[in-house]
Protein backbone atom coordinates (compact mmCIF):
# COMPACT_ATOMS: atom_id res chain seq x y z
CA MET A 1 23.65 4.48 13.33
CA GLU A 2 25.96 4.38 10.30
CA ASN A 3 23.47 3.87 7.57
CA GLN A 4 23.34 7.11 5.39
CA LEU A 5 20.76 5.94 2.27
CA LEU A 6 18.73 8.48 1.55
CA GLY A 7 14.92 7.78 0.62
CA LYS A 8 12.69 10.21 -1.10
CA VAL A 9 9.56 10.93 1.15
CA HIS A 10 6.20 12.22 0.18
CA SER A 11 4.87 13.27 3.66
CA PHE A 12 4.15 11.85 6.86
CA GLN A 13 1.21 11.03 9.23
CA SER A 14 1.63 11.05 12.79
CA LEU A 15 -1.15 8.76 14.18
CA GLY A 16 -2.99 6.98 11.38
CA ALA A 17 -5.97 4.59 12.25
CA VAL A 18 -6.71 3.18 8.80
CA ASP A 19 -3.04 1.93 7.57
CA GLY A 20 -2.50 -1.28 9.13
CA PRO A 21 -3.03 -2.49 12.69
CA GLY A 22 -3.82 -0.37 15.41
CA ILE A 23 -2.41 3.20 16.01
CA ARG A 24 0.49 3.71 12.85
CA PHE A 25 3.02 6.30 12.13
CA VAL A 26 2.87 6.59 8.54
CA VAL A 27 5.97 7.44 5.92
CA PHE A 28 4.26 8.19 2.29
CA MET A 29 7.25 7.56 0.03
CA GLN A 30 7.57 9.47 -3.33
CA GLY A 31 7.59 7.79 -6.92
CA CYS A 32 5.13 4.90 -8.24
CA PRO A 33 5.83 3.35 -11.55
CA TYR A 34 2.16 2.50 -11.64
CA ARG A 35 -1.07 4.60 -12.95
CA CYS A 36 -4.15 3.27 -11.49
CA PRO A 37 -7.24 4.99 -12.71
CA TYR A 38 -8.85 5.51 -9.02
CA CYS A 39 -5.27 6.74 -7.76
CA HIS A 40 -6.06 9.29 -5.07
CA ASN A 41 -2.32 10.31 -4.28
CA PRO A 42 -1.34 11.45 -8.02
CA ASP A 43 1.02 13.70 -5.89
CA THR A 44 3.09 11.12 -5.08
CA ARG A 45 3.69 9.72 -8.42
CA PRO A 46 6.80 11.42 -9.90
CA PHE A 47 10.15 10.30 -8.58
CA SER A 48 11.40 13.81 -8.98
CA GLY A 49 9.18 14.82 -5.97
CA GLY A 50 9.64 14.36 -2.47
CA GLU A 51 12.06 15.53 -0.09
CA GLU A 52 15.12 13.18 0.77
CA TYR A 53 15.67 11.89 4.32
CA THR A 54 18.31 9.32 6.24
CA VAL A 55 17.19 6.30 7.64
CA GLU A 56 17.82 7.57 10.93
CA GLU A 57 16.04 10.87 10.66
CA ILE A 58 12.46 8.75 10.01
CA VAL A 59 13.33 6.50 12.98
CA LYS A 60 13.78 9.74 15.33
CA LYS A 61 10.55 10.95 14.15
CA ALA A 62 8.65 7.46 14.52
CA VAL A 63 10.38 6.71 18.06
CA ARG A 64 8.64 9.98 19.42
CA PHE A 65 4.94 8.60 18.86
CA LYS A 66 6.02 5.03 20.10
CA SER A 67 4.24 5.38 23.12
CA TYR A 68 1.14 5.70 21.26
CA PHE A 69 1.50 2.27 19.31
CA GLY A 70 0.17 0.38 22.19
CA GLU A 71 0.68 -3.58 21.16
CA LYS A 72 -0.56 -3.62 17.82
CA GLY A 73 0.31 -0.38 16.53
CA GLY A 74 3.72 0.75 14.69
CA VAL A 75 5.09 2.46 11.62
CA THR A 76 3.52 2.01 7.93
CA VAL A 77 5.62 2.60 4.85
CA SER A 78 2.99 3.58 2.21
CA GLY A 79 3.21 5.49 -0.94
CA GLY A 80 3.60 6.23 -3.96
CA GLU A 81 5.25 2.52 -4.57
CA PRO A 82 7.23 2.00 -1.36
CA LEU A 83 8.99 -0.82 -2.85
CA ALA A 84 10.48 1.22 -5.61
CA GLN A 85 12.53 2.31 -2.92
CA ALA A 86 13.13 -0.85 -1.55
CA GLU A 87 16.68 -0.45 -0.29
CA PHE A 88 15.94 2.06 1.65
CA VAL A 89 12.76 0.79 2.81
CA ALA A 90 14.71 -2.51 3.92
CA ALA A 91 17.29 -0.29 5.74
CA LEU A 92 14.58 1.63 7.32
CA PHE A 93 12.46 -1.54 8.68
CA GLU A 94 15.52 -3.25 9.90
CA GLU A 95 15.99 0.09 12.17
CA LEU A 96 12.66 0.11 13.35
CA HIS A 97 12.81 -3.47 14.64
CA LYS A 98 15.79 -3.00 16.71
CA ALA A 99 13.92 0.04 18.16
CA GLY A 100 11.30 -2.43 19.04
CA ILE A 101 8.56 -0.75 16.34
CA ASN A 102 6.21 -3.11 14.67
CA THR A 103 6.32 -2.65 10.69
CA ALA A 104 3.81 -2.39 8.05
CA LEU A 105 4.29 -2.10 4.35
CA ASP A 106 1.45 -0.82 1.94
CA THR A 107 2.10 -1.82 -1.48
CA ALA A 108 0.48 -2.42 -4.95
CA GLY A 109 2.83 -5.46 -5.27
CA TYR A 110 6.22 -5.29 -6.77
CA PRO A 111 8.97 -7.51 -8.82
CA VAL A 112 10.39 -9.63 -6.32
CA ASN A 113 14.47 -9.12 -6.12
CA GLU A 114 16.94 -8.78 -3.45
CA ALA A 115 15.88 -5.70 -2.14
CA VAL A 116 12.47 -6.82 -1.75
CA LYS A 117 13.66 -9.83 0.11
CA LYS A 118 15.33 -7.72 2.37
CA VAL A 119 12.39 -5.56 3.11
CA LEU A 120 10.08 -8.92 3.90
CA GLU A 121 12.81 -9.92 6.21
CA HIS A 122 11.72 -7.22 8.77
CA THR A 123 7.94 -6.79 7.76
CA ASP A 124 5.35 -7.58 10.43
CA THR A 125 2.33 -6.77 8.26
CA VAL A 126 1.77 -6.42 4.55
CA LEU A 127 -1.15 -4.63 2.92
CA CYS A 128 -1.41 -5.52 -0.45
CA ASP A 129 -3.90 -4.27 -3.07
CA ILE A 130 -5.10 -6.66 -5.56
CA LYS A 131 -6.76 -4.10 -8.07
CA PHE A 132 -8.59 -6.41 -10.60
CA PRO A 133 -9.08 -10.09 -10.86
CA THR A 134 -7.46 -10.58 -14.61
CA ASP A 135 -4.18 -10.24 -16.29
CA GLU A 136 -5.88 -8.21 -19.11
CA GLN A 137 -7.13 -5.39 -16.58
CA TYR A 138 -3.90 -5.20 -15.01
CA LYS A 139 -2.42 -4.69 -18.25
CA ASN A 140 -4.93 -2.29 -19.84
CA TYR A 141 -5.49 -0.38 -16.22
CA ILE A 142 -2.20 -0.55 -14.21
CA GLY A 143 0.72 -0.86 -16.57
CA THR A 144 1.67 -4.15 -14.81
CA SER A 145 0.80 -7.92 -14.97
CA LEU A 146 -1.19 -9.59 -12.27
CA ASP A 147 1.22 -12.09 -12.09
CA THR A 148 3.56 -9.72 -10.39
CA VAL A 149 1.34 -9.33 -7.31
CA LEU A 150 0.66 -12.73 -7.27
CA ASN A 151 4.36 -13.78 -7.38
CA PHE A 152 5.08 -11.00 -4.65
CA ILE A 153 2.50 -12.61 -2.48
CA ASP A 154 3.81 -15.96 -3.07
CA GLU A 155 6.94 -14.37 -1.72
CA CYS A 156 5.10 -13.04 1.46
CA ASN A 157 4.30 -16.24 2.15
CA LYS A 158 8.11 -17.94 2.53
CA TYR A 159 8.46 -15.07 5.60
CA ASP A 160 5.09 -16.36 7.31
CA ILE A 161 4.08 -12.48 7.08
CA SER A 162 0.38 -11.39 8.37
CA ILE A 163 -1.50 -10.00 4.95
CA ILE A 164 -4.17 -7.90 4.32
CA ILE A 165 -5.66 -7.71 1.07
CA ARG A 166 -7.08 -4.52 0.13
CA HIS A 167 -9.73 -3.94 -3.07
CA VAL A 168 -10.89 -0.72 -4.22
CA VAL A 169 -14.60 -0.99 -5.29
CA VAL A 170 -15.49 1.12 -8.25
CA PRO A 171 -19.21 1.67 -9.75
CA GLY A 172 -19.08 -0.08 -13.04
CA MET A 173 -15.53 -1.26 -12.71
CA THR A 174 -15.32 -3.48 -9.94
CA ASP A 175 -18.55 -3.59 -8.04
CA SER A 176 -20.00 -6.56 -9.62
CA VAL A 177 -20.42 -9.83 -7.47
CA GLU A 178 -18.06 -12.06 -9.83
CA ASN A 179 -15.43 -9.47 -9.22
CA ILE A 180 -15.59 -9.82 -5.56
CA LYS A 181 -15.51 -13.64 -5.98
CA GLN A 182 -12.72 -13.47 -8.05
CA ILE A 183 -10.79 -11.25 -5.42
CA ALA A 184 -11.51 -13.53 -2.86
CA ALA A 185 -10.24 -16.38 -4.89
CA LEU A 186 -7.03 -14.94 -5.33
CA ALA A 187 -7.02 -13.57 -2.11
CA LYS A 188 -6.66 -17.15 -0.67
CA ARG A 189 -3.19 -17.31 -2.09
CA ALA A 190 -1.82 -15.55 0.96
CA LYS A 191 -1.17 -18.11 3.73
CA SER A 192 -1.50 -15.67 6.48
CA LEU A 193 -4.25 -13.71 5.15
CA GLN A 194 -5.98 -11.74 8.07
CA LYS A 195 -8.95 -10.15 6.22
CA ILE A 196 -10.04 -8.59 2.85
CA GLU A 197 -10.51 -4.72 3.03
CA LEU A 198 -13.00 -3.20 0.47
CA LEU A 199 -12.40 0.17 0.39
CA PRO A 200 -15.21 2.46 -1.55
CA PHE A 201 -14.08 4.56 -4.56
CA LYS A 202 -14.26 8.25 -3.23
CA LYS A 203 -13.30 11.49 -5.56
CA LEU A 204 -11.65 13.58 -2.88
CA CYS A 205 -8.81 13.85 -5.33
CA VAL A 206 -10.54 15.45 -7.79
CA GLN A 207 -9.13 18.82 -7.00
CA LYS A 208 -5.21 17.42 -6.68
CA TYR A 209 -5.77 16.38 -10.22
CA ASP A 210 -7.07 19.47 -11.34
CA GLU A 211 -4.15 21.66 -9.43
CA LEU A 212 -1.72 19.55 -11.08
CA GLY A 213 -3.18 19.64 -14.67
CA ILE A 214 -3.59 16.05 -14.82
CA ASP A 215 -7.05 14.59 -16.38
CA PHE A 216 -8.81 12.34 -13.55
CA PRO A 217 -10.08 9.12 -15.89
CA LEU A 218 -12.83 8.41 -13.46
CA LYS A 219 -14.25 11.98 -13.03
CA ASN A 220 -17.41 11.05 -13.93
CA THR A 221 -17.87 7.67 -12.36
CA PRO A 222 -19.76 7.85 -9.29
CA GLU A 223 -18.64 7.23 -5.75
CA CYS A 224 -19.21 4.01 -4.08
CA ASP A 225 -21.78 3.99 -1.32
CA THR A 226 -22.05 2.22 1.95
CA LYS A 227 -24.82 0.08 0.85
CA THR A 228 -23.11 -1.45 -2.07
CA ILE A 229 -19.74 -1.93 0.35
CA ASP A 230 -22.01 -3.94 2.78
CA LYS A 231 -23.71 -5.71 0.23
CA LEU A 232 -20.50 -7.11 -0.78
CA LYS A 233 -18.82 -7.78 2.53
CA ASN A 234 -21.19 -10.14 3.14
CA LEU A 235 -20.04 -12.15 0.20
CA LEU A 236 -16.73 -12.55 2.19
């Protein structure tokens, strides 16, 4: 393998079961331009952190777990925001496909450019967060626009990629019936929509924020309970 691109990686998870179809080897890329108020991985935000790997090094790691993947499993690249290193992810996914390994991209959506298009050429599944249903909320809470996410989904449609829409349910912020209905309406934009996953807001990340000396914006917000998730799932 001649490609010697370097990607900044925060960490790896050997056998993940919640990061796409089947059993997945998960690569958490370092660096994220967004500032979600409920971010549970604040340590992946700085682009200055992480450890550098070549495409070949990561493929070798992934291949070791290939026998566990079965028919549906494979490799998921998450973050941070993986598309902030789109050129590297594109090269990685291309080599994974050559090795017969299924690929999944876990993203918050990203401005579409040529590197992002290259990633999508070798992506089997996209897990895309729609964090809020309005542009105003996106600009206030995330630092980008809703159009960025919707345009990214439109681009995925061109490649007939299976899409899983994810949405974090935060009490008092995104847990209303109207909010979930709006998210469901936006999710229909994905032509190959597989499902909508409602993820309950948790505060296991508080210790990370404390260790990093960063204020957690939702530290006084209660966690989302199973009853609320079940009720909102019934709407879908």
